[in-house]
Amino acid sequence: MHMYHKSRYRARKKYYEKEENKEQKRVYQRTYEKRPEVMARKRKKWGGKREKTLIYAHHEQWARDNGYRDNDNLNGKNSDRFVNYEVE
């Protein structure tokens, strides 16, 4: 931790306890969020809806090819195993 971390923390906390300084910070944050580089960074970090749907489609195709989506009777098979456990 930095040498002046505690004193800076106290100073910032005291400064933003005043309502006019809180409003000043809110105004600054609103303008900051509208900057193009910030918006681009946010889009890059969270990805887009299009990318997620493409990944999901590829995953579904992979799951079908590898037999992960042919589980229609799997629950019935497992339930039957538990019911007829002593018979086998």
N, C-alpha and C. Protein backbone atom coordinates (compact mmCIF):
# COMPACT_ATOMS: atom_id res chain seq x y z
N MET A 1 0.84 -1.18 0.00
CA MET A 1 0.00 0.00 0.00
C MET A 1 0.89 1.24 0.00
N HIS A 2 0.39 2.26 -0.66
CA HIS A 2 1.15 3.49 -0.76
C HIS A 2 1.24 4.18 0.60
N MET A 3 2.27 4.96 0.76
CA MET A 3 2.55 5.63 2.03
C MET A 3 1.40 6.55 2.46
N TYR A 4 0.77 7.22 1.50
CA TYR A 4 -0.27 8.18 1.83
C TYR A 4 -1.67 7.65 1.54
N HIS A 5 -1.81 6.36 1.39
CA HIS A 5 -3.10 5.77 1.02
C HIS A 5 -4.20 6.13 2.02
N LYS A 6 -3.94 5.97 3.28
CA LYS A 6 -4.96 6.24 4.31
C LYS A 6 -5.38 7.70 4.33
N SER A 7 -4.41 8.61 4.23
CA SER A 7 -4.75 10.03 4.28
C SER A 7 -5.50 10.45 3.01
N ARG A 8 -5.12 9.90 1.85
CA ARG A 8 -5.85 10.20 0.62
C ARG A 8 -7.28 9.67 0.70
N TYR A 9 -7.43 8.48 1.25
CA TYR A 9 -8.76 7.88 1.40
C TYR A 9 -9.65 8.78 2.26
N ARG A 10 -9.11 9.24 3.40
CA ARG A 10 -9.88 10.11 4.29
C ARG A 10 -10.23 11.43 3.60
N ALA A 11 -9.29 11.99 2.85
CA ALA A 11 -9.53 13.27 2.16
C ALA A 11 -10.61 13.11 1.10
N ARG A 12 -10.54 12.05 0.30
CA ARG A 12 -11.56 11.83 -0.72
C ARG A 12 -12.93 11.61 -0.08
N LYS A 13 -12.95 10.83 0.99
CA LYS A 13 -14.22 10.55 1.67
C LYS A 13 -14.83 11.85 2.22
N LYS A 14 -14.02 12.67 2.82
CA LYS A 14 -14.50 13.93 3.38
C LYS A 14 -14.98 14.86 2.26
N TYR A 15 -14.26 14.88 1.15
CA TYR A 15 -14.62 15.76 0.03
C TYR A 15 -15.96 15.36 -0.57
N TYR A 16 -16.19 14.06 -0.77
CA TYR A 16 -17.41 13.62 -1.42
C TYR A 16 -18.59 13.45 -0.46
N GLU A 17 -18.41 13.79 0.80
CA GLU A 17 -19.56 13.81 1.72
C GLU A 17 -20.45 15.03 1.46
N LYS A 18 -19.87 16.08 0.89
CA LYS A 18 -20.66 17.27 0.57
C LYS A 18 -21.49 17.01 -0.68
N GLU A 19 -22.73 17.45 -0.66
CA GLU A 19 -23.67 17.15 -1.74
C GLU A 19 -23.25 17.78 -3.07
N GLU A 20 -22.70 19.00 -3.04
CA GLU A 20 -22.30 19.65 -4.30
C GLU A 20 -21.14 18.90 -4.96
N ASN A 21 -20.27 18.30 -4.16
CA ASN A 21 -19.17 17.53 -4.73
C ASN A 21 -19.66 16.19 -5.27
N LYS A 22 -20.68 15.63 -4.62
CA LYS A 22 -21.27 14.40 -5.14
C LYS A 22 -21.87 14.65 -6.51
N GLU A 23 -22.58 15.78 -6.64
CA GLU A 23 -23.21 16.10 -7.92
C GLU A 23 -22.15 16.36 -8.98
N GLN A 24 -21.08 17.01 -8.60
CA GLN A 24 -19.98 17.27 -9.54
C GLN A 24 -19.39 15.95 -10.04
N LYS A 25 -19.25 14.99 -9.17
CA LYS A 25 -18.72 13.67 -9.56
C LYS A 25 -19.70 12.97 -10.50
N ARG A 26 -21.00 13.07 -10.23
CA ARG A 26 -22.01 12.43 -11.08
C ARG A 26 -21.97 13.02 -12.49
N VAL A 27 -21.85 14.34 -12.57
CA VAL A 27 -21.80 15.01 -13.87
C VAL A 27 -20.56 14.55 -14.63
N TYR A 28 -19.45 14.49 -13.95
CA TYR A 28 -18.21 14.04 -14.59
C TYR A 28 -18.34 12.60 -15.09
N GLN A 29 -18.92 11.72 -14.29
CA GLN A 29 -19.08 10.33 -14.70
C GLN A 29 -19.97 10.19 -15.92
N ARG A 30 -21.04 11.00 -15.98
CA ARG A 30 -21.93 10.96 -17.15
C ARG A 30 -21.18 11.35 -18.42
N THR A 31 -20.38 12.42 -18.34
CA THR A 31 -19.63 12.84 -19.52
C THR A 31 -18.52 11.84 -19.86
N TYR A 32 -17.92 11.24 -18.85
CA TYR A 32 -16.85 10.26 -19.07
C TYR A 32 -17.38 9.03 -19.79
N GLU A 33 -18.56 8.57 -19.41
CA GLU A 33 -19.15 7.38 -20.03
C GLU A 33 -19.50 7.59 -21.49
N LYS A 34 -19.68 8.86 -21.90
CA LYS A 34 -20.05 9.15 -23.29
C LYS A 34 -18.84 9.30 -24.20
N ARG A 35 -17.63 9.25 -23.67
CA ARG A 35 -16.44 9.35 -24.50
C ARG A 35 -16.34 8.12 -25.41
N PRO A 36 -15.93 8.33 -26.67
CA PRO A 36 -15.89 7.20 -27.60
C PRO A 36 -14.92 6.09 -27.18
N GLU A 37 -13.76 6.46 -26.63
CA GLU A 37 -12.79 5.42 -26.25
C GLU A 37 -13.30 4.60 -25.06
N VAL A 38 -14.05 5.23 -24.18
CA VAL A 38 -14.61 4.51 -23.04
C VAL A 38 -15.72 3.57 -23.50
N MET A 39 -16.56 4.06 -24.42
CA MET A 39 -17.62 3.22 -24.96
C MET A 39 -17.05 2.02 -25.71
N ALA A 40 -15.97 2.24 -26.46
CA ALA A 40 -15.34 1.15 -27.20
C ALA A 40 -14.74 0.13 -26.24
N ARG A 41 -14.11 0.61 -25.18
CA ARG A 41 -13.53 -0.29 -24.19
C ARG A 41 -14.61 -1.14 -23.51
N LYS A 42 -15.75 -0.51 -23.22
CA LYS A 42 -16.84 -1.21 -22.58
C LYS A 42 -17.41 -2.28 -23.52
N ARG A 43 -17.56 -1.95 -24.81
CA ARG A 43 -18.06 -2.93 -25.78
C ARG A 43 -17.10 -4.09 -25.93
N LYS A 44 -15.81 -3.79 -25.94
CA LYS A 44 -14.80 -4.84 -26.09
C LYS A 44 -14.78 -5.75 -24.88
N LYS A 45 -14.95 -5.18 -23.71
CA LYS A 45 -14.89 -5.96 -22.47
C LYS A 45 -16.07 -6.92 -22.37
N TRP A 46 -17.27 -6.46 -22.68
CA TRP A 46 -18.46 -7.27 -22.49
C TRP A 46 -18.88 -8.02 -23.74
N GLY A 47 -18.29 -7.71 -24.88
CA GLY A 47 -18.67 -8.40 -26.11
C GLY A 47 -20.00 -7.91 -26.61
N GLY A 48 -20.40 -8.43 -27.75
CA GLY A 48 -21.66 -8.01 -28.31
C GLY A 48 -22.62 -9.18 -28.35
N LYS A 49 -23.88 -8.86 -28.60
CA LYS A 49 -24.91 -9.89 -28.67
C LYS A 49 -24.65 -10.82 -29.85
N ARG A 50 -24.17 -10.26 -30.94
CA ARG A 50 -23.91 -11.05 -32.14
C ARG A 50 -22.85 -12.11 -31.88
N GLU A 51 -21.77 -11.74 -31.19
CA GLU A 51 -20.70 -12.69 -30.91
C GLU A 51 -21.21 -13.85 -30.05
N LYS A 52 -22.04 -13.54 -29.07
CA LYS A 52 -22.54 -14.58 -28.18
C LYS A 52 -23.43 -15.56 -28.94
N THR A 53 -24.26 -15.06 -29.85
CA THR A 53 -25.13 -15.96 -30.59
C THR A 53 -24.33 -16.83 -31.54
N LEU A 54 -23.25 -16.28 -32.12
CA LEU A 54 -22.40 -17.10 -32.99
C LEU A 54 -21.73 -18.20 -32.20
N ILE A 55 -21.21 -17.88 -31.04
CA ILE A 55 -20.55 -18.88 -30.20
C ILE A 55 -21.56 -19.94 -29.79
N TYR A 56 -22.76 -19.52 -29.41
CA TYR A 56 -23.78 -20.47 -28.98
C TYR A 56 -24.16 -21.41 -30.12
N ALA A 57 -24.29 -20.89 -31.33
CA ALA A 57 -24.63 -21.73 -32.48
C ALA A 57 -23.54 -22.75 -32.75
N HIS A 58 -22.29 -22.33 -32.68
CA HIS A 58 -21.18 -23.27 -32.88
C HIS A 58 -21.15 -24.32 -31.78
N HIS A 59 -21.42 -23.92 -30.56
CA HIS A 59 -21.42 -24.86 -29.44
C HIS A 59 -22.54 -25.89 -29.62
N GLU A 60 -23.71 -25.43 -30.04
CA GLU A 60 -24.83 -26.36 -30.24
C GLU A 60 -24.50 -27.37 -31.33
N GLN A 61 -23.87 -26.92 -32.41
CA GLN A 61 -23.50 -27.84 -33.49
C GLN A 61 -22.49 -28.86 -32.97
N TRP A 62 -21.51 -28.41 -32.19
CA TRP A 62 -20.51 -29.30 -31.62
C TRP A 62 -21.17 -30.32 -30.69
N ALA A 63 -22.12 -29.87 -29.88
CA ALA A 63 -22.80 -30.75 -28.93
C ALA A 63 -23.61 -31.81 -29.68
N ARG A 64 -24.29 -31.42 -30.77
CA ARG A 64 -25.04 -32.41 -31.57
C ARG A 64 -24.10 -33.42 -32.21
N ASP A 65 -22.97 -32.94 -32.74
CA ASP A 65 -22.02 -33.83 -33.41
C ASP A 65 -21.41 -34.84 -32.43
N ASN A 66 -21.23 -34.43 -31.19
CA ASN A 66 -20.59 -35.31 -30.21
C ASN A 66 -21.59 -36.07 -29.34
N GLY A 67 -22.86 -35.99 -29.64
CA GLY A 67 -23.85 -36.79 -28.94
C GLY A 67 -24.34 -36.23 -27.62
N TYR A 68 -24.08 -34.96 -27.34
CA TYR A 68 -24.52 -34.38 -26.08
C TYR A 68 -25.97 -33.94 -26.11
N ARG A 69 -26.59 -33.86 -27.28
CA ARG A 69 -27.97 -33.41 -27.37
C ARG A 69 -28.95 -34.57 -27.62
N ASP A 70 -28.46 -35.81 -27.61
CA ASP A 70 -29.33 -36.97 -27.80
C ASP A 70 -29.71 -37.57 -26.45
N ASN A 71 -30.09 -36.74 -25.52
CA ASN A 71 -30.36 -37.17 -24.15
C ASN A 71 -31.85 -37.22 -23.85
N ASP A 72 -32.69 -37.40 -24.85
CA ASP A 72 -34.14 -37.35 -24.62
C ASP A 72 -34.59 -38.42 -23.63
N ASN A 73 -34.02 -39.58 -23.67
CA ASN A 73 -34.44 -40.68 -22.80
C ASN A 73 -33.51 -40.87 -21.61
N LEU A 74 -32.55 -40.00 -21.46
CA LEU A 74 -31.56 -40.18 -20.39
C LEU A 74 -32.20 -40.13 -19.01
N ASN A 75 -33.12 -39.20 -18.77
CA ASN A 75 -33.77 -39.09 -17.48
C ASN A 75 -34.57 -40.35 -17.17
N GLY A 76 -35.26 -40.85 -18.19
CA GLY A 76 -36.04 -42.08 -17.99
C GLY A 76 -35.15 -43.27 -17.67
N LYS A 77 -34.02 -43.40 -18.35
CA LYS A 77 -33.08 -44.49 -18.09
C LYS A 77 -32.55 -44.42 -16.65
N ASN A 78 -32.17 -43.20 -16.23
CA ASN A 78 -31.63 -43.04 -14.89
C ASN A 78 -32.71 -43.32 -13.84
N SER A 79 -33.94 -42.87 -14.07
CA SER A 79 -35.02 -43.11 -13.12
C SER A 79 -35.31 -44.60 -13.02
N ASP A 80 -35.30 -45.28 -14.15
CA ASP A 80 -35.53 -46.73 -14.16
C ASP A 80 -34.43 -47.45 -13.38
N ARG A 81 -33.22 -46.98 -13.50
CA ARG A 81 -32.11 -47.60 -12.76
C ARG A 81 -32.32 -47.47 -11.25
N PHE A 82 -32.79 -46.31 -10.81
CA PHE A 82 -33.01 -46.12 -9.38
C PHE A 82 -34.20 -46.93 -8.88
N VAL A 83 -35.23 -47.07 -9.69
CA VAL A 83 -36.42 -47.81 -9.27
C VAL A 83 -36.13 -49.30 -9.22
N ASN A 84 -35.45 -49.81 -10.21
CA ASN A 84 -35.17 -51.25 -10.30
C ASN A 84 -33.75 -51.57 -9.82
N TYR A 85 -33.29 -50.89 -8.83
CA TYR A 85 -31.91 -51.06 -8.37
C TYR A 85 -31.69 -52.47 -7.79
N GLU A 86 -32.61 -52.94 -6.98
CA GLU A 86 -32.40 -54.23 -6.32
C GLU A 86 -32.60 -55.40 -7.28
N VAL A 87 -33.35 -55.19 -8.36
CA VAL A 87 -33.63 -56.27 -9.30
C VAL A 87 -32.36 -56.64 -10.06
N GLU A 88 -31.57 -55.66 -10.42
CA GLU A 88 -30.37 -55.95 -11.24
C GLU A 88 -29.28 -56.51 -10.45
